[in-house]
Amino acid sequence: MDPLILFGEWWWTAAVGMGGVTAGAITMRRRSVRSGRRLEVDAARHDLKAAQQKAIERRMAAKLARAEVVRISAERSARRATSEQVAGAKRMLRERENDARAAVADVRAKQVRLSAARAAVPAASAPRPLERLQAEHDAITARWMRYETDAALQIAYPSMTDVKQPATAAYARAAGRAVEARRSATGSVDPAAYAEYRDAVADLDRALEAAEHAARVQAGESPTVSSWQGAAQDLFSRSTEAIDRAAGAAASALAAWNERRRPDDKR
């Protein structure tokens, strides 16, 4: 049979097969979205788009501030602006440039988060991202409740239940925001609502850590230095010692070299 005729008779089967594969992939993706398995990925993508938009806006603001510096400097040359105005425009430019750099760094961080979310899409039998986030929220709340229910902890750390303390009040506000975000992240959750809830839980965790630190300080305990700080201090100390040893060795070598040179100088 003519190859062209054979191709004409069978090309549609390949197209149907490819269409079936594509439709199957789309169906699996939709099922994954509906089940919430890719919610973290979608939220990370939402955050990245927002960060990219902010970076564009801040870069534009920096360009405008740079143009304003040029304009004010020209006005100063024409004696229509003061040196204070030029200095103010330059300060504004530095602030806008710092904002732009921070926005670019935020974009990079969001890109890393998106890559991590893609690599951590849960299996079909694993807990969904929203379930994991709710469990994390519950664990933080349970950690806080120990100070409310344990008499020994109440006596040891009374500031943990005193909302007049700044750190405790900050935790209470963060807890309220987390609860509200959790209520919004129910039912059919969109990436924006999930991202808001995720960030609220992260803020709550940091607020509890800060409150516990302040309570330990008020109780007269010296907070332990974190492991990375200890490692950094140890590395710094060792580096300093190494520099001192190297300097001492260099000084000894120089002294020995000078001693060897003296007989030659006499000759």
Protein backbone atom coordinates (compact mmCIF):
# COMPACT_ATOMS: atom_id res chain seq x y z
CA MET A 1 0.00 0.00 0.00
CA ASP A 2 1.12 3.52 -0.75
CA PRO A 3 2.73 5.01 2.38
CA LEU A 4 0.82 8.24 1.83
CA ILE A 5 -2.48 6.36 1.74
CA LEU A 6 -1.47 4.42 4.84
CA PHE A 7 -0.63 7.68 6.59
CA GLY A 8 -3.97 9.12 5.45
CA GLU A 9 -5.83 6.19 6.91
CA TRP A 10 -3.99 6.09 10.22
CA TRP A 11 -3.05 9.68 11.07
CA TRP A 12 -6.33 10.25 12.87
CA THR A 13 -5.66 7.36 15.26
CA ALA A 14 -2.43 9.00 16.37
CA ALA A 15 -4.23 12.32 16.82
CA VAL A 16 -6.95 10.64 18.84
CA GLY A 17 -4.32 8.90 20.95
CA MET A 18 -2.44 12.13 21.59
CA GLY A 19 -5.71 13.86 22.34
CA GLY A 20 -6.55 11.14 24.82
CA VAL A 21 -3.19 11.56 26.56
CA THR A 22 -3.64 15.34 26.71
CA ALA A 23 -7.21 15.03 27.93
CA GLY A 24 -6.06 12.55 30.55
CA ALA A 25 -3.33 14.90 31.77
CA ILE A 26 -5.80 17.79 31.92
CA THR A 27 -8.29 15.62 33.79
CA MET A 28 -5.63 14.57 36.31
CA ARG A 29 -4.61 18.20 36.77
CA ARG A 30 -8.22 19.23 37.36
CA ARG A 31 -8.71 16.42 39.84
CA SER A 32 -5.53 17.50 41.61
CA VAL A 33 -6.73 21.09 41.76
CA ARG A 34 -10.16 20.10 43.00
CA SER A 35 -8.68 17.82 45.64
CA GLY A 36 -6.37 20.56 46.87
CA ARG A 37 -3.12 18.69 46.28
CA ARG A 38 -1.66 21.56 44.26
CA LEU A 39 -2.99 24.34 46.47
CA GLU A 40 0.47 25.18 47.80
CA VAL A 41 1.80 25.37 44.23
CA ASP A 42 -1.04 27.63 43.12
CA ALA A 43 -0.57 29.86 46.16
CA ALA A 44 3.18 30.07 45.53
CA ARG A 45 2.52 30.98 41.90
CA HIS A 46 0.06 33.65 43.07
CA ASP A 47 2.69 35.07 45.44
CA LEU A 48 5.31 35.10 42.68
CA LYS A 49 3.07 37.03 40.30
CA ALA A 50 2.31 39.59 43.01
CA ALA A 51 6.01 39.92 43.86
CA GLN A 52 6.91 40.37 40.18
CA GLN A 53 4.31 43.09 39.80
CA LYS A 54 5.61 44.86 42.90
CA ALA A 55 9.18 44.62 41.58
CA ILE A 56 8.11 46.24 38.30
CA GLU A 57 6.37 49.05 40.16
CA ARG A 58 9.34 49.69 42.44
CA ARG A 59 11.82 49.67 39.58
CA MET A 60 9.67 52.24 37.82
CA ALA A 61 9.54 54.32 41.01
CA ALA A 62 13.35 54.19 41.18
CA LYS A 63 13.60 55.36 37.57
CA LEU A 64 11.27 58.27 38.29
CA ALA A 65 13.27 59.20 41.39
CA ARG A 66 16.48 59.10 39.34
CA ALA A 67 14.94 61.41 36.75
CA GLU A 68 13.81 63.72 39.53
CA VAL A 69 17.38 63.95 40.83
CA VAL A 70 18.57 64.94 37.38
CA ARG A 71 15.83 67.56 37.11
CA ILE A 72 16.43 69.05 40.55
CA SER A 73 20.19 69.12 39.93
CA ALA A 74 19.62 71.03 36.70
CA GLU A 75 17.34 73.43 38.54
CA ARG A 76 20.05 73.89 41.15
CA SER A 77 22.57 74.72 38.44
CA ALA A 78 20.14 77.34 37.15
CA ARG A 79 19.74 78.65 40.72
CA ARG A 80 16.04 77.71 40.76
CA ALA A 81 16.43 74.99 43.40
CA THR A 82 18.28 74.75 46.69
CA SER A 83 20.94 72.30 47.76
CA GLU A 84 18.49 70.98 50.37
CA GLN A 85 16.06 70.06 47.61
CA VAL A 86 18.81 68.24 45.74
CA ALA A 87 19.79 66.38 48.90
CA GLY A 88 16.15 65.46 49.53
CA ALA A 89 15.76 64.12 45.98
CA LYS A 90 18.91 62.02 46.39
CA ARG A 91 17.62 60.59 49.68
CA MET A 92 14.38 59.69 47.97
CA LEU A 93 16.34 58.01 45.17
CA ARG A 94 18.30 55.90 47.66
CA GLU A 95 15.07 54.81 49.33
CA ARG A 96 13.47 53.90 46.00
CA GLU A 97 16.57 51.97 44.91
CA ASN A 98 16.60 50.06 48.21
CA ASP A 99 12.92 49.26 47.74
CA ALA A 100 13.61 48.00 44.22
CA ARG A 101 16.46 45.77 45.42
CA ALA A 102 14.26 44.38 48.19
CA ALA A 103 11.51 43.65 45.67
CA VAL A 104 13.94 41.78 43.40
CA ALA A 105 15.14 39.73 46.37
CA ASP A 106 11.53 38.96 47.24
CA VAL A 107 10.91 37.72 43.69
CA ARG A 108 13.86 35.34 44.02
CA ALA A 109 12.56 34.07 47.34
CA LYS A 110 9.13 33.49 45.84
CA GLN A 111 10.69 31.59 42.95
CA VAL A 112 12.43 29.29 45.44
CA ARG A 113 9.14 28.78 47.28
CA LEU A 114 7.40 27.87 44.03
CA SER A 115 10.10 25.33 43.17
CA ALA A 116 9.85 23.82 46.65
CA ALA A 117 6.06 23.63 46.41
CA ARG A 118 6.25 21.87 43.06
CA ALA A 119 8.67 19.32 44.49
CA ALA A 120 6.46 18.72 47.54
CA VAL A 121 3.07 18.06 45.92
CA PRO A 122 1.59 15.39 48.20
CA ALA A 123 0.66 11.94 47.03
CA ALA A 124 -2.97 10.97 46.62
CA SER A 125 -3.05 9.36 50.08
CA ALA A 126 -1.10 12.10 51.88
CA PRO A 127 -2.66 15.04 53.77
CA ARG A 128 -3.50 18.03 51.59
CA PRO A 129 -1.68 21.36 52.03
CA LEU A 130 -4.70 22.95 53.72
CA GLU A 131 -4.97 20.02 56.13
CA ARG A 132 -1.27 20.28 56.98
CA LEU A 133 -1.61 24.02 57.53
CA GLN A 134 -4.61 23.56 59.80
CA ALA A 135 -2.69 20.94 61.77
CA GLU A 136 0.22 23.37 62.15
CA HIS A 137 -2.20 26.05 63.34
CA ASP A 138 -3.70 23.63 65.87
CA ALA A 139 -0.23 22.67 67.14
CA ILE A 140 0.70 26.32 67.74
CA THR A 141 -2.58 26.91 69.56
CA ALA A 142 -2.03 23.81 71.72
CA ARG A 143 1.46 25.04 72.53
CA TRP A 144 -0.02 28.33 73.71
CA MET A 145 -2.80 26.66 75.70
CA ARG A 146 -0.24 24.95 77.91
CA TYR A 147 0.42 28.33 79.51
CA GLU A 148 -3.32 28.70 80.15
CA THR A 149 -3.94 25.24 81.60
CA ASP A 150 -0.67 24.20 83.29
CA ALA A 151 -0.47 25.70 86.79
CA ALA A 152 3.31 25.27 86.92
CA LEU A 153 3.79 27.18 83.69
CA GLN A 154 1.41 29.91 84.89
CA ILE A 155 3.56 30.40 87.97
CA ALA A 156 6.86 30.23 86.08
CA TYR A 157 5.80 32.48 83.19
CA PRO A 158 2.93 34.74 84.29
CA SER A 159 3.51 37.19 81.42
CA MET A 160 2.38 34.56 78.89
CA THR A 161 -1.23 35.10 80.00
CA ASP A 162 -0.93 38.85 80.60
CA VAL A 163 -2.17 40.69 77.52
CA LYS A 164 -0.76 43.92 78.93
CA GLN A 165 2.67 42.63 77.96
CA PRO A 166 3.59 43.82 74.44
CA ALA A 167 4.76 40.42 73.19
CA THR A 168 1.70 38.67 74.59
CA ALA A 169 -0.61 41.28 73.09
CA ALA A 170 1.13 40.84 69.73
CA TYR A 171 0.50 37.10 69.94
CA ALA A 172 -3.18 37.69 70.72
CA ARG A 173 -3.54 39.92 67.66
CA ALA A 174 -1.74 37.36 65.47
CA ALA A 175 -4.02 34.63 66.83
CA GLY A 176 -7.09 36.65 65.86
CA ARG A 177 -5.79 37.20 62.34
CA ALA A 178 -5.00 33.50 61.97
CA VAL A 179 -8.52 32.52 63.06
CA GLU A 180 -10.09 34.95 60.60
CA ALA A 181 -7.85 33.70 57.79
CA ARG A 182 -8.78 30.11 58.64
CA ARG A 183 -12.46 30.95 58.36
CA SER A 184 -11.85 32.45 54.94
CA ALA A 185 -9.89 29.37 53.84
CA THR A 186 -12.81 26.96 54.05
CA GLY A 187 -14.82 25.22 51.38
CA SER A 188 -13.52 25.91 47.89
CA VAL A 189 -10.26 27.70 48.74
CA ASP A 190 -8.58 29.89 46.16
CA PRO A 191 -4.79 30.40 46.15
CA ALA A 192 -5.04 33.94 47.53
CA ALA A 193 -7.05 32.85 50.58
CA TYR A 194 -4.71 29.94 51.20
CA ALA A 195 -1.65 32.19 50.94
CA GLU A 196 -3.20 34.64 53.40
CA TYR A 197 -3.89 31.83 55.86
CA ARG A 198 -0.40 30.36 55.39
CA ASP A 199 1.22 33.73 56.12
CA ALA A 200 -1.05 34.28 59.13
CA VAL A 201 0.01 30.95 60.62
CA ALA A 202 3.67 31.80 60.03
CA ASP A 203 3.17 35.16 61.76
CA LEU A 204 1.44 33.38 64.65
CA ASP A 205 4.37 30.99 65.08
CA ARG A 206 6.84 33.90 65.18
CA ALA A 207 4.65 35.82 67.61
CA LEU A 208 4.50 32.86 70.01
CA GLU A 209 8.26 32.43 69.81
CA ALA A 210 8.72 36.13 70.64
CA ALA A 211 6.25 35.92 73.55
CA GLU A 212 8.02 32.87 74.99
CA HIS A 213 11.38 34.60 74.66
CA ALA A 214 10.09 37.70 76.49
CA ALA A 215 8.53 35.52 79.20
CA ARG A 216 11.81 33.70 79.80
CA VAL A 217 13.66 37.00 80.07
CA GLN A 218 11.12 38.37 82.57
CA ALA A 219 11.39 35.15 84.57
CA GLY A 220 15.11 35.77 84.97
CA GLU A 221 16.22 33.05 82.61
CA SER A 222 19.03 33.74 80.18
CA PRO A 223 17.72 32.69 76.77
CA THR A 224 19.83 30.06 75.11
CA VAL A 225 21.79 31.09 72.06
CA SER A 226 20.48 29.42 68.94
CA SER A 227 22.63 26.73 67.39
CA TRP A 228 23.46 28.75 64.31
CA GLN A 229 24.52 31.72 66.40
CA GLY A 230 26.74 29.46 68.48
CA ALA A 231 28.26 27.95 65.36
CA ALA A 232 28.85 31.38 63.89
CA GLN A 233 30.50 32.60 67.10
CA ASP A 234 32.66 29.49 67.24
CA LEU A 235 33.68 29.95 63.61
CA PHE A 236 34.51 33.59 64.27
CA SER A 237 36.61 32.68 67.31
CA ARG A 238 38.49 30.02 65.41
CA SER A 239 39.09 32.38 62.53
CA THR A 240 40.44 35.01 64.91
CA GLU A 241 42.75 32.46 66.51
CA ALA A 242 43.94 31.30 63.08
CA ILE A 243 44.67 34.89 62.08
CA ASP A 244 46.60 35.45 65.31
CA ARG A 245 48.63 32.29 64.77
CA ALA A 246 49.37 33.27 61.17
CA ALA A 247 50.42 36.75 62.26
CA GLY A 248 52.67 35.31 64.95
CA ALA A 249 54.27 32.90 62.50
CA ALA A 250 54.85 35.69 60.01
CA ALA A 251 56.45 37.86 62.69
CA SER A 252 58.75 35.02 63.78
CA ALA A 253 59.77 34.34 60.20
CA LEU A 254 60.51 38.03 59.62
CA ALA A 255 62.61 38.21 62.78
CA ALA A 256 64.59 35.13 61.77
CA TRP A 257 65.17 36.55 58.31
CA ASN A 258 66.43 39.82 59.81
CA GLU A 259 68.80 37.90 62.08
CA ARG A 260 70.25 36.07 59.07
CA ARG A 261 70.68 39.37 57.24
CA ARG A 262 72.70 41.09 59.96
CA PRO A 263 76.07 39.30 59.35
CA ASP A 264 75.87 40.21 55.67
CA ASP A 265 75.18 43.82 56.55
CA LYS A 266 78.33 43.91 58.69
CA ARG A 267 80.44 42.59 55.85
